[in-house]
C-alpha atoms as a PDB file:
ATOM      1  CA  LEU A   1       0.915   7.001  -5.423  1.00  0.00           C
ATOM      2  CA  PHE A   2       1.477   7.291  -1.679  1.00  0.00           C
ATOM      3  CA  ALA A   3      -1.114   4.541  -1.153  1.00  0.00           C
ATOM      4  CA  CYS A   4       0.744   2.336  -3.669  1.00  0.00           C
ATOM      5  CA  TYR A   5       3.916   2.806  -1.593  1.00  0.00           C
ATOM      6  CA  THR A   6       2.258   2.243   1.803  1.00  0.00           C
ATOM      7  CA  GLY A   7      -0.863   0.137   1.234  1.00  0.00           C
ATOM      8  CA  LEU A   8      -3.056   2.568   3.161  1.00  0.00           C
ATOM      9  CA  ARG A   9      -6.810   2.514   2.713  1.00  0.00           C
ATOM     10  CA  PHE A  10      -8.502   5.783   1.741  1.00  0.00           C
ATOM     11  CA  GLY A  11      -9.869   6.376   5.253  1.00  0.00           C
ATOM     12  CA  ASP A  12      -6.460   5.943   6.866  1.00  0.00           C
ATOM     13  CA  MET A  13      -4.686   8.097   4.314  1.00  0.00           C
ATOM     14  CA  SER A  14      -7.211  10.910   4.506  1.00  0.00           C
ATOM     15  CA  LYS A  15      -6.773  11.041   8.296  1.00  0.00           C
ATOM     16  CA  LEU A  16      -2.989  10.661   8.258  1.00  0.00           C
ATOM     17  CA  LYS A  17      -1.482  13.279  10.576  1.00  0.00           C
ATOM     18  CA  TRP A  18       2.043  14.603  10.789  1.00  0.00           C
ATOM     19  CA  GLU A  19       2.386  12.978  14.209  1.00  0.00           C
ATOM     20  CA  ASN A  20       1.924   9.564  12.514  1.00  0.00           C
ATOM     21  CA  LEU A  21       5.262  10.071  10.724  1.00  0.00           C
ATOM     22  CA  GLU A  22       8.419   9.615  12.726  1.00  0.00           C
ATOM     23  CA  LYS A  23      11.988   8.781  11.707  1.00  0.00           C
ATOM     24  CA  GLY A  24      11.034   7.375   8.309  1.00  0.00           C
ATOM     25  CA  MET A  25       8.174   5.320   9.720  1.00  0.00           C
ATOM     26  CA  LEU A  26       4.409   5.608   9.367  1.00  0.00           C
ATOM     27  CA  LYS A  27       2.588   4.509  12.518  1.00  0.00           C
ATOM     28  CA  ILE A  28      -1.210   4.337  12.713  1.00  0.00           C
ATOM     29  CA  VAL A  29      -4.070   2.308  14.106  1.00  0.00           C
ATOM     30  CA  GLN A  30      -6.120   1.316  11.084  1.00  0.00           C
ATOM     31  CA  GLU A  31      -9.655   2.642  11.026  1.00  0.00           C
ATOM     32  CA  LYS A  32     -11.227  -0.542   9.588  1.00  0.00           C
ATOM     33  CA  THR A  33      -9.500  -3.243  11.639  1.00  0.00           C
ATOM     34  CA  LYS A  34      -8.354  -1.220  14.670  1.00  0.00           C
ATOM     35  CA  SER A  35      -4.985  -2.924  14.144  1.00  0.00           C
ATOM     36  CA  PRO A  36      -1.784  -0.968  14.682  1.00  0.00           C
ATOM     37  CA  VAL A  37       0.524  -0.911  11.690  1.00  0.00           C
ATOM     38  CA  CYS A  38       4.071   0.368  11.369  1.00  0.00           C
ATOM     39  CA  ILE A  39       5.266   0.894   7.797  1.00  0.00           C
ATOM     40  CA  PRO A  40       8.833   1.890   6.923  1.00  0.00           C
ATOM     41  CA  LEU A  41       8.619   4.570   4.240  1.00  0.00           C
ATOM     42  CA  ASN A  42      10.519   4.003   0.995  1.00  0.00           C
ATOM     43  CA  LYS A  43      12.275   6.868  -0.793  1.00  0.00           C
ATOM     44  CA  GLU A  44       9.315   7.533  -3.112  1.00  0.00           C
ATOM     45  CA  ALA A  45       6.908   7.861  -0.177  1.00  0.00           C
ATOM     46  CA  LYS A  46       9.384  10.153   1.593  1.00  0.00           C
ATOM     47  CA  LYS A  47       9.528  12.396  -1.495  1.00  0.00           C
ATOM     48  CA  ILE A  48       5.744  12.747  -1.446  1.00  0.00           C
ATOM     49  CA  ILE A  49       5.852  13.625   2.261  1.00  0.00           C
ATOM     50  CA  ALA A  50       8.592  16.189   1.591  1.00  0.00           C
ATOM     51  CA  LYS A  51       6.445  17.879  -1.082  1.00  0.00           C
ATOM     52  CA  ASN A  52       3.644  18.264   1.467  1.00  0.00           C
ATOM     53  CA  LEU A  53       5.851  19.611   4.287  1.00  0.00           C
ATOM     54  CA  LYS A  54       5.137  23.210   3.278  1.00  0.00           C
ATOM     55  CA  LYS A  55       1.484  22.611   4.279  1.00  0.00           C
ATOM     56  CA  LYS A  56       2.367  21.356   7.770  1.00  0.00           C
ATOM     57  CA  ARG A  57       1.514  24.684   9.416  1.00  0.00           C
ATOM     58  CA  GLU A  58      -1.763  25.031   7.516  1.00  0.00           C
ATOM     59  CA  ARG A  59      -3.326  21.652   8.310  1.00  0.00           C
ATOM     60  CA  GLU A  60      -2.803  18.795  10.741  1.00  0.00           C
ATOM     61  CA  THR A  61      -3.343  16.147   8.054  1.00  0.00           C
ATOM     62  CA  VAL A  62      -0.524  15.284   5.660  1.00  0.00           C
ATOM     63  CA  PHE A  63      -2.786  15.356   2.606  1.00  0.00           C
ATOM     64  CA  ARG A  64      -5.578  17.716   1.620  1.00  0.00           C
ATOM     65  CA  VAL A  65      -8.798  15.880   2.345  1.00  0.00           C
ATOM     66  CA  VAL A  66     -11.051  15.188  -0.631  1.00  0.00           C
ATOM     67  CA  SER A  67     -13.866  12.626  -0.571  1.00  0.00           C
ATOM     68  CA  ASN A  68     -13.247   9.074  -1.745  1.00  0.00           C
ATOM     69  CA  GLN A  69     -15.890   9.578  -4.448  1.00  0.00           C
ATOM     70  CA  LYS A  70     -14.176  12.739  -5.760  1.00  0.00           C
ATOM     71  CA  THR A  71     -10.768  11.015  -5.632  1.00  0.00           C
ATOM     72  CA  ASN A  72     -12.080   8.081  -7.675  1.00  0.00           C
ATOM     73  CA  TYR A  73     -13.629  10.501 -10.182  1.00  0.00           C
ATOM     74  CA  ILE A  74     -10.249  12.244 -10.612  1.00  0.00           C
ATOM     75  CA  LEU A  75      -8.463   8.889 -10.969  1.00  0.00           C
ATOM     76  CA  LYS A  76     -10.887   7.856 -13.723  1.00  0.00           C
ATOM     77  CA  ASP A  77     -10.145  11.104 -15.571  1.00  0.00           C
ATOM     78  CA  ILE A  78      -6.398  10.526 -15.269  1.00  0.00           C
ATOM     79  CA  ALA A  79      -6.770   6.924 -16.450  1.00  0.00           C
ATOM     80  CA  SER A  80      -8.799   8.083 -19.441  1.00  0.00           C
ATOM     81  CA  LEU A  81      -6.179  10.682 -20.393  1.00  0.00           C
ATOM     82  CA  ALA A  82      -3.466   8.026 -20.065  1.00  0.00           C
ATOM     83  CA  LYS A  83      -5.556   5.627 -22.171  1.00  0.00           C
ATOM     84  CA  VAL A  84      -5.674   3.075 -19.332  1.00  0.00           C
ATOM     85  CA  GLU A  85      -8.612   0.791 -20.007  1.00  0.00           C
ATOM     86  CA  GLN A  86      -8.582  -0.968 -16.624  1.00  0.00           C
ATOM     87  CA  LYS A  87     -11.178   0.172 -14.107  1.00  0.00           C
ATOM     88  CA  VAL A  88      -9.376   2.278 -11.506  1.00  0.00           C
ATOM     89  CA  SER A  89     -10.239   3.327  -7.969  1.00  0.00           C
ATOM     90  CA  PHE A  90      -8.312   4.426  -4.928  1.00  0.00           C
ATOM     91  CA  HIS A  91      -8.487   0.933  -3.439  1.00  0.00           C
ATOM     92  CA  LEU A  92      -6.552  -0.390  -6.437  1.00  0.00           C
ATOM     93  CA  ALA A  93      -3.482   1.289  -4.876  1.00  0.00           C
ATOM     94  CA  ARG A  94      -3.739  -0.968  -1.805  1.00  0.00           C
ATOM     95  CA  HIS A  95      -4.003  -4.037  -4.025  1.00  0.00           C
ATOM     96  CA  THR A  96      -1.011  -2.830  -6.032  1.00  0.00           C
ATOM     97  CA  PHE A  97       1.010  -2.564  -2.822  1.00  0.00           C
ATOM     98  CA  GLY A  98       0.052  -6.106  -1.790  1.00  0.00           C
ATOM     99  CA  THR A  99       0.695  -7.543  -5.241  1.00  0.00           C
ATOM    100  CA  ILE A 100       4.143  -5.970  -5.501  1.00  0.00           C
ATOM    101  CA  LEU A 101       5.041  -7.290  -2.043  1.00  0.00           C
ATOM    102  CA  GLY A 102       3.707 -10.708  -3.036  1.00  0.00           C
ATOM    103  CA  ARG A 103       6.301 -11.009  -5.788  1.00  0.00           C
ATOM    104  CA  SER A 104       9.162 -11.239  -3.318  1.00  0.00           C
ATOM    105  CA  GLU A 105       7.802 -11.405   0.228  1.00  0.00           C
ATOM    106  CA  ASN A 106       5.989 -14.018   2.255  1.00  0.00           C
ATOM    107  CA  ALA A 107       2.420 -13.742   3.527  1.00  0.00           C
ATOM    108  CA  PHE A 108       3.549 -12.971   7.105  1.00  0.00           C
ATOM    109  CA  ILE A 109       5.433  -9.836   6.022  1.00  0.00           C
ATOM    110  CA  ILE A 110       2.487  -8.767   3.862  1.00  0.00           C
ATOM    111  CA  MET A 111       0.159  -9.292   6.834  1.00  0.00           C
ATOM    112  CA  LYS A 112       2.310  -7.065   9.058  1.00  0.00           C
ATOM    113  CA  LEU A 113       2.665  -4.266   6.505  1.00  0.00           C
ATOM    114  CA  MET A 114      -0.978  -4.254   5.415  1.00  0.00           C
ATOM    115  CA  GLY A 115      -2.428  -4.776   8.890  1.00  0.00           C
ATOM    116  CA  HIS A 116      -4.423  -7.888   8.048  1.00  0.00           C
ATOM    117  CA  LYS A 117      -5.742  -9.869  11.010  1.00  0.00           C
ATOM    118  CA  LYS A 118      -5.569 -13.216   9.178  1.00  0.00           C
ATOM    119  CA  ILE A 119      -2.600 -14.524   7.222  1.00  0.00           C
ATOM    120  CA  SER A 120      -5.030 -16.118   4.754  1.00  0.00           C
ATOM    121  CA  THR A 121      -6.019 -12.600   3.637  1.00  0.00           C
ATOM    122  CA  SER A 122      -2.372 -11.771   2.967  1.00  0.00           C
ATOM    123  CA  ALA A 123      -1.740 -15.091   1.214  1.00  0.00           C
ATOM    124  CA  ILE A 124      -4.000 -13.906  -1.624  1.00  0.00           C
ATOM    125  CA  TYR A 125      -1.196 -11.558  -2.703  1.00  0.00           C
ATOM    126  CA  VAL A 126       1.539 -14.197  -2.808  1.00  0.00           C
ATOM    127  CA  ASN A 127       1.826 -14.931  -6.502  1.00  0.00           C
ATOM    128  CA  THR A 128       3.942 -17.737  -7.845  1.00  0.00           C
ATOM    129  CA  ASP A 129       4.277 -18.190 -11.541  1.00  0.00           C
ATOM    130  CA  VAL A 130       5.104 -21.430 -13.348  1.00  0.00           C
ATOM    131  CA  ASN A 131       8.801 -20.524 -13.759  1.00  0.00           C
ATOM    132  CA  GLU A 132       9.108 -19.947 -10.003  1.00  0.00           C
ATOM    133  CA  LEU A 133       7.536 -23.333  -9.328  1.00  0.00           C
ATOM    134  CA  LYS A 134       9.874 -25.021 -11.823  1.00  0.00           C
ATOM    135  CA  GLY A 135      12.874 -23.401 -10.132  1.00  0.00           C
ATOM    136  CA  VAL A 136      11.768 -24.692  -6.738  1.00  0.00           C
ATOM    137  CA  MET A 137      11.248 -28.209  -8.041  1.00  0.00           C
ATOM    138  CA  ASN A 138      14.599 -28.219  -9.841  1.00  0.00           C
ATOM    139  CA  ASN A 139      16.403 -27.245  -6.633  1.00  0.00           C
ATOM    140  CA  VAL A 140      14.565 -29.329  -4.058  1.00  0.00           C
ATOM    141  CA  SER A 141      16.086 -32.597  -2.880  1.00  0.00           C
ATOM    142  CA  PHE A 142      13.742 -35.359  -1.776  1.00  0.00           C
ATOM    143  CA  GLY A 143      16.617 -37.415  -0.429  1.00  0.00           C
ATOM    144  CA  LEU A 144      16.365 -40.046  -3.128  1.00  0.00           C
END
């Protein structure tokens, strides 16, 4: 869930350290792109962090490190128990984050929060449905 709330890739989340969290913000340099990203944490993400605070003295990472393969195996088990028929993987959380942002935010904001280097990558998440398009066309004035 934390990845759904932050858009972090597995590699970045598994290496997330307590020092990366400061004043409600998550600050890291992404492993894949080497791009710095600064993500304000929402209340759900903060709750997850709070639950892990008791482990702060035991480990320098926020989350217990398990392999990506093992994590995906566990997610498939959970999906099966929940009768979710869609194929699930950890990376689906990042796509969920982008898709949810795309419902109300522009590609530039998505690019900043997800750490994309190209706005065209972020534009993939900007979804407009037919009703949105109708609303725009009903409200636009062409000066005629």
